[in-house]
Amino acid sequence: MTSLDVCWNGSCHTYPLTSNSETVAAGATCTGPADACMARMRETGGKTGFAMIPGLPAAPVQVIFAGQTATVAPEIRYPNGPDCGGGGPQGQLTVDEKGMR
């Protein structure tokens, strides 16, 4: 299993990272804007991942993955809209041939 390390307030912890094949919609059967349609999913060759990090602050943290370190600034997200209160802080990383950012 893949993992990453996340550090804040002078402490680092390791968290499991789940990954899935990245997909895009391909071959849609739509012919008009009011039509019902279907699309098949096609794998891109990339991966997407997710890590649950209890207590993640809405402040910059250091993330260490595959020997690289990056600073991530998690932000409060509003999954049900701004009038329904915020969810937990979320951060995002991109890892590709250019490195981690």
Protein backbone atom coordinates (compact mmCIF):
# COMPACT_ATOMS: atom_id res chain seq x y z
CA MET A 1 0.00 0.00 0.00
CA THR A 2 1.21 3.49 -0.81
CA SER A 3 1.44 6.14 1.90
CA LEU A 4 2.42 9.74 2.42
CA ASP A 5 3.71 11.72 5.38
CA VAL A 6 2.05 14.96 6.46
CA CYS A 7 3.66 17.35 8.95
CA TRP A 8 2.29 20.33 10.91
CA ASN A 9 2.90 21.85 14.35
CA GLY A 10 6.25 20.05 14.62
CA SER A 11 4.78 16.55 14.21
CA CYS A 12 4.68 14.18 11.22
CA HIS A 13 2.36 11.24 10.65
CA THR A 14 2.06 8.59 7.93
CA TYR A 15 -1.31 8.07 6.21
CA PRO A 16 -2.37 5.37 3.74
CA LEU A 17 -3.04 6.59 0.23
CA THR A 18 -5.64 4.79 -1.88
CA SER A 19 -5.29 5.10 -5.64
CA ASN A 20 -7.58 4.37 -8.57
CA SER A 21 -7.19 4.44 -12.32
CA GLU A 22 -8.03 7.84 -13.76
CA THR A 23 -10.82 7.82 -16.36
CA VAL A 24 -12.48 10.14 -18.88
CA ALA A 25 -15.84 9.90 -20.62
CA ALA A 26 -15.48 8.61 -24.18
CA GLY A 27 -17.84 7.63 -26.95
CA ALA A 28 -20.92 9.60 -25.85
CA THR A 29 -24.17 8.80 -27.69
CA CYS A 30 -25.67 12.31 -27.37
CA THR A 31 -27.07 13.90 -30.52
CA GLY A 32 -28.81 16.98 -29.12
CA PRO A 33 -28.91 19.17 -26.01
CA ALA A 34 -32.20 17.67 -24.73
CA ASP A 35 -31.31 14.02 -25.48
CA ALA A 36 -30.62 11.37 -22.89
CA CYS A 37 -27.24 9.86 -23.60
CA MET A 38 -24.66 7.39 -22.41
CA ALA A 39 -20.88 7.61 -22.27
CA ARG A 40 -18.36 4.87 -21.68
CA MET A 41 -15.41 5.43 -19.38
CA ARG A 42 -11.88 5.04 -20.72
CA GLU A 43 -8.76 4.78 -18.55
CA THR A 44 -6.16 7.50 -19.20
CA GLY A 45 -3.16 5.66 -17.79
CA GLY A 46 -3.00 8.12 -14.87
CA LYS A 47 -3.93 7.57 -11.24
CA THR A 48 -5.93 9.55 -8.71
CA GLY A 49 -5.46 9.13 -4.98
CA PHE A 50 -7.05 10.02 -1.67
CA ALA A 51 -5.82 10.08 1.93
CA MET A 52 -7.96 10.62 5.04
CA ILE A 53 -6.03 12.90 7.40
CA PRO A 54 -7.85 13.42 10.71
CA GLY A 55 -7.20 16.82 12.27
CA LEU A 56 -5.81 18.35 9.07
CA PRO A 57 -5.60 22.10 9.71
CA ALA A 58 -6.75 24.83 7.34
CA ALA A 59 -3.15 26.06 7.31
CA PRO A 60 0.01 25.12 5.36
CA VAL A 61 1.37 21.59 5.92
CA GLN A 62 4.40 19.75 4.57
CA VAL A 63 3.66 16.64 2.50
CA ILE A 64 6.33 14.04 1.77
CA PHE A 65 5.60 11.54 -1.00
CA ALA A 66 7.97 9.39 -3.08
CA GLY A 67 10.98 11.19 -1.62
CA GLN A 68 9.71 14.65 -2.55
CA THR A 69 8.42 17.39 -0.23
CA ALA A 70 5.82 20.03 -1.02
CA THR A 71 3.90 22.62 0.98
CA VAL A 72 0.13 22.32 0.69
CA ALA A 73 -2.36 24.90 2.00
CA PRO A 74 -5.59 22.99 2.84
CA GLU A 75 -8.79 25.03 2.64
CA ILE A 76 -12.28 24.57 4.05
CA ARG A 77 -14.63 23.31 1.31
CA TYR A 78 -18.39 23.79 1.16
CA PRO A 79 -19.75 20.56 -0.38
CA ASN A 80 -23.39 21.59 0.16
CA GLY A 81 -22.95 25.26 -0.73
CA PRO A 82 -21.71 28.24 1.30
CA ASP A 83 -24.95 28.54 3.29
CA CYS A 84 -24.66 25.02 4.76
CA GLY A 85 -21.39 25.30 6.68
CA GLY A 86 -17.98 24.04 5.70
CA GLY A 87 -16.69 20.51 5.53
CA GLY A 88 -13.23 19.55 6.66
CA PRO A 89 -10.12 21.16 5.18
CA GLN A 90 -8.92 19.65 1.91
CA GLY A 91 -5.65 19.96 0.09
CA GLN A 92 -4.54 18.88 -3.37
CA LEU A 93 -1.29 17.65 -4.89
CA THR A 94 -0.28 16.86 -8.43
CA VAL A 95 2.49 14.32 -9.02
CA ASP A 96 3.73 13.82 -12.57
CA GLU A 97 6.93 13.73 -14.62
CA LYS A 98 7.57 17.37 -13.55
CA GLY A 99 7.57 16.42 -9.86
CA MET A 100 5.19 17.14 -7.01
CA ARG A 101 3.32 20.40 -6.59
